[in-house]
Amino acid sequence: MPITSGLAIYFVLWWLVLFAVLPWGVRTQADRGEVVPGSEPGSPERPMLVRKLVATTLIAAVIFGVFYGIVMWGGLTLDDIPLLPDFSRPI
């Protein structure tokens, strides 16, 4: 797998994992009962973004490692996906 393909796949995985991780541990101002005047009651009190970015990076790295292992040593190719057209023969 070329480095550019690996980086592109990791980038997409990272963003997908980020959107899955963002809701973890969210406590809203309304949950706490102390809403700042003029702000949305559903906004997070402490978003903990650094912790979520680190968790996203680690989870995406593990998923990418599994994907890389399957592609490089497991022999997974586009032809193994049944719903895609046959790429082995020229058009």
N, C-alpha and C. Protein backbone atom coordinates (compact mmCIF):
# COMPACT_ATOMS: atom_id res chain seq x y z
N MET A 1 0.86 -1.17 0.00
CA MET A 1 0.00 0.00 0.00
C MET A 1 0.91 1.24 0.00
N PRO A 2 0.73 2.12 -0.96
CA PRO A 2 1.53 3.35 -0.97
C PRO A 2 1.23 4.23 0.24
N ILE A 3 2.21 5.05 0.62
CA ILE A 3 2.06 5.89 1.82
C ILE A 3 0.90 6.87 1.67
N THR A 4 0.68 7.38 0.47
CA THR A 4 -0.42 8.33 0.28
C THR A 4 -1.78 7.66 0.48
N SER A 5 -1.90 6.42 0.02
CA SER A 5 -3.16 5.69 0.23
C SER A 5 -3.37 5.41 1.71
N GLY A 6 -2.31 5.02 2.40
CA GLY A 6 -2.41 4.77 3.83
C GLY A 6 -2.80 6.01 4.61
N LEU A 7 -2.20 7.15 4.26
CA LEU A 7 -2.55 8.40 4.94
C LEU A 7 -3.99 8.81 4.66
N ALA A 8 -4.43 8.62 3.43
CA ALA A 8 -5.81 8.98 3.08
C ALA A 8 -6.81 8.10 3.84
N ILE A 9 -6.52 6.81 3.93
CA ILE A 9 -7.42 5.90 4.66
C ILE A 9 -7.41 6.25 6.14
N TYR A 10 -6.23 6.54 6.71
CA TYR A 10 -6.15 6.90 8.12
C TYR A 10 -6.91 8.20 8.39
N PHE A 11 -6.81 9.16 7.48
CA PHE A 11 -7.50 10.44 7.62
C PHE A 11 -9.02 10.24 7.67
N VAL A 12 -9.53 9.42 6.78
CA VAL A 12 -10.98 9.15 6.75
C VAL A 12 -11.40 8.40 8.02
N LEU A 13 -10.62 7.40 8.42
CA LEU A 13 -10.92 6.66 9.64
C LEU A 13 -10.90 7.57 10.86
N TRP A 14 -9.93 8.48 10.91
CA TRP A 14 -9.81 9.38 12.06
C TRP A 14 -11.06 10.24 12.21
N TRP A 15 -11.55 10.79 11.10
CA TRP A 15 -12.75 11.62 11.17
C TRP A 15 -13.98 10.81 11.54
N LEU A 16 -14.10 9.60 11.02
CA LEU A 16 -15.24 8.75 11.39
C LEU A 16 -15.22 8.43 12.88
N VAL A 17 -14.04 8.10 13.38
CA VAL A 17 -13.93 7.78 14.81
C VAL A 17 -14.18 9.03 15.65
N LEU A 18 -13.73 10.20 15.19
CA LEU A 18 -13.96 11.43 15.95
C LEU A 18 -15.45 11.66 16.17
N PHE A 19 -16.25 11.49 15.13
CA PHE A 19 -17.69 11.71 15.29
C PHE A 19 -18.33 10.66 16.19
N ALA A 20 -17.73 9.49 16.30
CA ALA A 20 -18.23 8.49 17.23
C ALA A 20 -17.81 8.80 18.66
N VAL A 21 -16.65 9.44 18.84
CA VAL A 21 -16.10 9.71 20.18
C VAL A 21 -16.65 11.01 20.77
N LEU A 22 -17.02 11.96 19.97
CA LEU A 22 -17.45 13.27 20.48
C LEU A 22 -18.55 13.21 21.54
N PRO A 23 -19.55 12.35 21.44
CA PRO A 23 -20.59 12.34 22.48
C PRO A 23 -20.18 11.70 23.81
N TRP A 24 -19.02 11.07 23.89
CA TRP A 24 -18.61 10.38 25.11
C TRP A 24 -18.48 11.35 26.27
N GLY A 25 -19.11 11.06 27.36
CA GLY A 25 -18.94 11.81 28.60
C GLY A 25 -19.42 13.25 28.57
N VAL A 26 -20.35 13.58 27.70
CA VAL A 26 -20.83 14.96 27.61
C VAL A 26 -21.79 15.24 28.77
N ARG A 27 -21.51 16.28 29.50
CA ARG A 27 -22.40 16.79 30.55
C ARG A 27 -22.79 18.20 30.13
N THR A 28 -24.07 18.41 29.92
CA THR A 28 -24.53 19.72 29.47
C THR A 28 -24.71 20.66 30.66
N GLN A 29 -24.84 21.93 30.33
CA GLN A 29 -25.09 22.92 31.37
C GLN A 29 -26.44 22.65 32.04
N ALA A 30 -27.41 22.19 31.25
CA ALA A 30 -28.73 21.90 31.81
C ALA A 30 -28.67 20.71 32.77
N ASP A 31 -27.81 19.72 32.48
CA ASP A 31 -27.65 18.58 33.39
C ASP A 31 -27.15 19.04 34.76
N ARG A 32 -26.26 19.98 34.74
CA ARG A 32 -25.68 20.47 35.99
C ARG A 32 -26.59 21.46 36.70
N GLY A 33 -27.46 22.11 35.93
CA GLY A 33 -28.39 23.07 36.52
C GLY A 33 -27.84 24.48 36.61
N GLU A 34 -26.71 24.73 35.97
CA GLU A 34 -26.10 26.07 35.99
C GLU A 34 -25.91 26.54 34.55
N VAL A 35 -26.98 27.07 33.96
CA VAL A 35 -26.92 27.55 32.59
C VAL A 35 -26.43 28.99 32.59
N VAL A 36 -25.37 29.25 31.81
CA VAL A 36 -24.85 30.60 31.67
C VAL A 36 -25.86 31.41 30.87
N PRO A 37 -26.27 32.58 31.35
CA PRO A 37 -27.25 33.38 30.62
C PRO A 37 -26.75 33.71 29.20
N GLY A 38 -27.63 33.50 28.24
CA GLY A 38 -27.30 33.80 26.85
C GLY A 38 -26.68 32.63 26.10
N SER A 39 -26.49 31.50 26.76
CA SER A 39 -25.91 30.34 26.08
C SER A 39 -26.96 29.24 25.94
N GLU A 40 -26.68 28.30 25.08
CA GLU A 40 -27.57 27.17 24.85
C GLU A 40 -27.50 26.21 26.04
N PRO A 41 -28.64 25.82 26.61
CA PRO A 41 -28.61 24.90 27.76
C PRO A 41 -28.01 23.53 27.43
N GLY A 42 -28.06 23.14 26.16
CA GLY A 42 -27.53 21.84 25.77
C GLY A 42 -26.04 21.85 25.45
N SER A 43 -25.40 23.01 25.55
CA SER A 43 -23.96 23.06 25.25
C SER A 43 -23.17 22.38 26.37
N PRO A 44 -22.05 21.74 26.00
CA PRO A 44 -21.29 21.01 27.01
C PRO A 44 -20.67 21.95 28.04
N GLU A 45 -20.64 21.47 29.26
CA GLU A 45 -20.02 22.25 30.33
C GLU A 45 -18.49 22.18 30.18
N ARG A 46 -17.96 20.98 30.04
CA ARG A 46 -16.54 20.75 29.81
C ARG A 46 -16.42 19.79 28.63
N PRO A 47 -16.05 20.27 27.43
CA PRO A 47 -16.03 19.38 26.27
C PRO A 47 -14.91 18.34 26.29
N MET A 48 -13.82 18.56 27.04
CA MET A 48 -12.70 17.61 27.13
C MET A 48 -12.19 17.22 25.74
N LEU A 49 -11.95 18.21 24.88
CA LEU A 49 -11.56 17.93 23.50
C LEU A 49 -10.20 17.27 23.38
N VAL A 50 -9.23 17.66 24.20
CA VAL A 50 -7.90 17.06 24.09
C VAL A 50 -7.98 15.56 24.38
N ARG A 51 -8.70 15.19 25.41
CA ARG A 51 -8.86 13.76 25.75
C ARG A 51 -9.55 13.03 24.60
N LYS A 52 -10.55 13.65 24.00
CA LYS A 52 -11.27 13.01 22.90
C LYS A 52 -10.40 12.90 21.65
N LEU A 53 -9.56 13.90 21.39
CA LEU A 53 -8.66 13.83 20.23
C LEU A 53 -7.62 12.73 20.41
N VAL A 54 -7.10 12.59 21.62
CA VAL A 54 -6.14 11.51 21.89
C VAL A 54 -6.81 10.15 21.74
N ALA A 55 -8.01 10.00 22.29
CA ALA A 55 -8.74 8.74 22.16
C ALA A 55 -9.05 8.44 20.70
N THR A 56 -9.42 9.46 19.94
CA THR A 56 -9.70 9.29 18.52
C THR A 56 -8.46 8.80 17.78
N THR A 57 -7.32 9.41 18.07
CA THR A 57 -6.08 9.03 17.40
C THR A 57 -5.71 7.59 17.71
N LEU A 58 -5.83 7.19 18.97
CA LEU A 58 -5.47 5.82 19.35
C LEU A 58 -6.43 4.79 18.74
N ILE A 59 -7.71 5.07 18.80
CA ILE A 59 -8.70 4.13 18.24
C ILE A 59 -8.54 4.01 16.73
N ALA A 60 -8.34 5.16 16.06
CA ALA A 60 -8.16 5.13 14.60
C ALA A 60 -6.88 4.38 14.23
N ALA A 61 -5.83 4.51 15.04
CA ALA A 61 -4.58 3.80 14.77
C ALA A 61 -4.78 2.29 14.89
N VAL A 62 -5.53 1.86 15.89
CA VAL A 62 -5.80 0.42 16.05
C VAL A 62 -6.62 -0.10 14.87
N ILE A 63 -7.67 0.62 14.50
CA ILE A 63 -8.50 0.19 13.37
C ILE A 63 -7.68 0.17 12.09
N PHE A 64 -6.85 1.19 11.88
CA PHE A 64 -6.01 1.22 10.68
C PHE A 64 -5.00 0.07 10.70
N GLY A 65 -4.45 -0.24 11.86
CA GLY A 65 -3.51 -1.36 11.95
C GLY A 65 -4.15 -2.68 11.57
N VAL A 66 -5.38 -2.90 12.03
CA VAL A 66 -6.11 -4.11 11.65
C VAL A 66 -6.38 -4.12 10.15
N PHE A 67 -6.83 -2.98 9.62
CA PHE A 67 -7.10 -2.88 8.18
C PHE A 67 -5.83 -3.12 7.37
N TYR A 68 -4.73 -2.51 7.80
CA TYR A 68 -3.45 -2.67 7.10
C TYR A 68 -3.01 -4.13 7.11
N GLY A 69 -3.15 -4.78 8.26
CA GLY A 69 -2.78 -6.19 8.34
C GLY A 69 -3.61 -7.06 7.43
N ILE A 70 -4.90 -6.79 7.37
CA ILE A 70 -5.78 -7.58 6.50
C ILE A 70 -5.42 -7.36 5.03
N VAL A 71 -5.15 -6.11 4.66
CA VAL A 71 -4.84 -5.81 3.26
C VAL A 71 -3.48 -6.37 2.87
N MET A 72 -2.47 -6.17 3.72
CA MET A 72 -1.10 -6.56 3.35
C MET A 72 -0.86 -8.06 3.49
N TRP A 73 -1.37 -8.68 4.55
CA TRP A 73 -1.05 -10.08 4.79
C TRP A 73 -2.24 -11.00 4.61
N GLY A 74 -3.42 -10.45 4.60
CA GLY A 74 -4.61 -11.28 4.44
C GLY A 74 -5.05 -11.42 3.00
N GLY A 75 -4.52 -10.59 2.13
CA GLY A 75 -4.83 -10.69 0.72
C GLY A 75 -6.15 -10.08 0.30
N LEU A 76 -6.70 -9.16 1.09
CA LEU A 76 -7.96 -8.51 0.73
C LEU A 76 -7.73 -7.54 -0.41
N THR A 77 -8.54 -7.65 -1.45
CA THR A 77 -8.46 -6.73 -2.59
C THR A 77 -9.87 -6.22 -2.90
N LEU A 78 -9.94 -5.29 -3.82
CA LEU A 78 -11.25 -4.78 -4.24
C LEU A 78 -12.09 -5.87 -4.89
N ASP A 79 -11.45 -6.85 -5.50
CA ASP A 79 -12.19 -7.93 -6.15
C ASP A 79 -12.89 -8.84 -5.14
N ASP A 80 -12.49 -8.79 -3.88
CA ASP A 80 -13.13 -9.60 -2.85
C ASP A 80 -14.44 -9.01 -2.36
N ILE A 81 -14.73 -7.77 -2.71
CA ILE A 81 -15.98 -7.12 -2.30
C ILE A 81 -17.04 -7.47 -3.34
N PRO A 82 -18.09 -8.19 -2.98
CA PRO A 82 -19.01 -8.75 -3.97
C PRO A 82 -19.87 -7.74 -4.71
N LEU A 83 -20.12 -6.57 -4.16
CA LEU A 83 -21.04 -5.64 -4.81
C LEU A 83 -20.35 -4.71 -5.81
N LEU A 84 -19.03 -4.77 -5.89
CA LEU A 84 -18.31 -3.93 -6.82
C LEU A 84 -18.12 -4.66 -8.15
N PRO A 85 -17.98 -3.91 -9.24
CA PRO A 85 -17.74 -4.58 -10.52
C PRO A 85 -16.36 -5.24 -10.54
N ASP A 86 -16.15 -6.13 -11.50
CA ASP A 86 -14.89 -6.85 -11.64
C ASP A 86 -13.83 -5.90 -12.20
N PHE A 87 -12.84 -5.55 -11.39
CA PHE A 87 -11.79 -4.63 -11.81
C PHE A 87 -10.61 -5.34 -12.47
N SER A 88 -10.63 -6.66 -12.51
CA SER A 88 -9.49 -7.40 -13.04
C SER A 88 -9.47 -7.42 -14.56
N ARG A 89 -10.59 -7.20 -15.19
CA ARG A 89 -10.61 -7.22 -16.66
C ARG A 89 -10.75 -5.81 -17.19
N PRO A 90 -10.11 -5.51 -18.31
CA PRO A 90 -10.19 -4.16 -18.88
C PRO A 90 -11.59 -3.87 -19.42
N ILE A 91 -11.90 -2.60 -19.43
CA ILE A 91 -13.22 -2.17 -19.91
C ILE A 91 -13.25 -2.11 -21.41
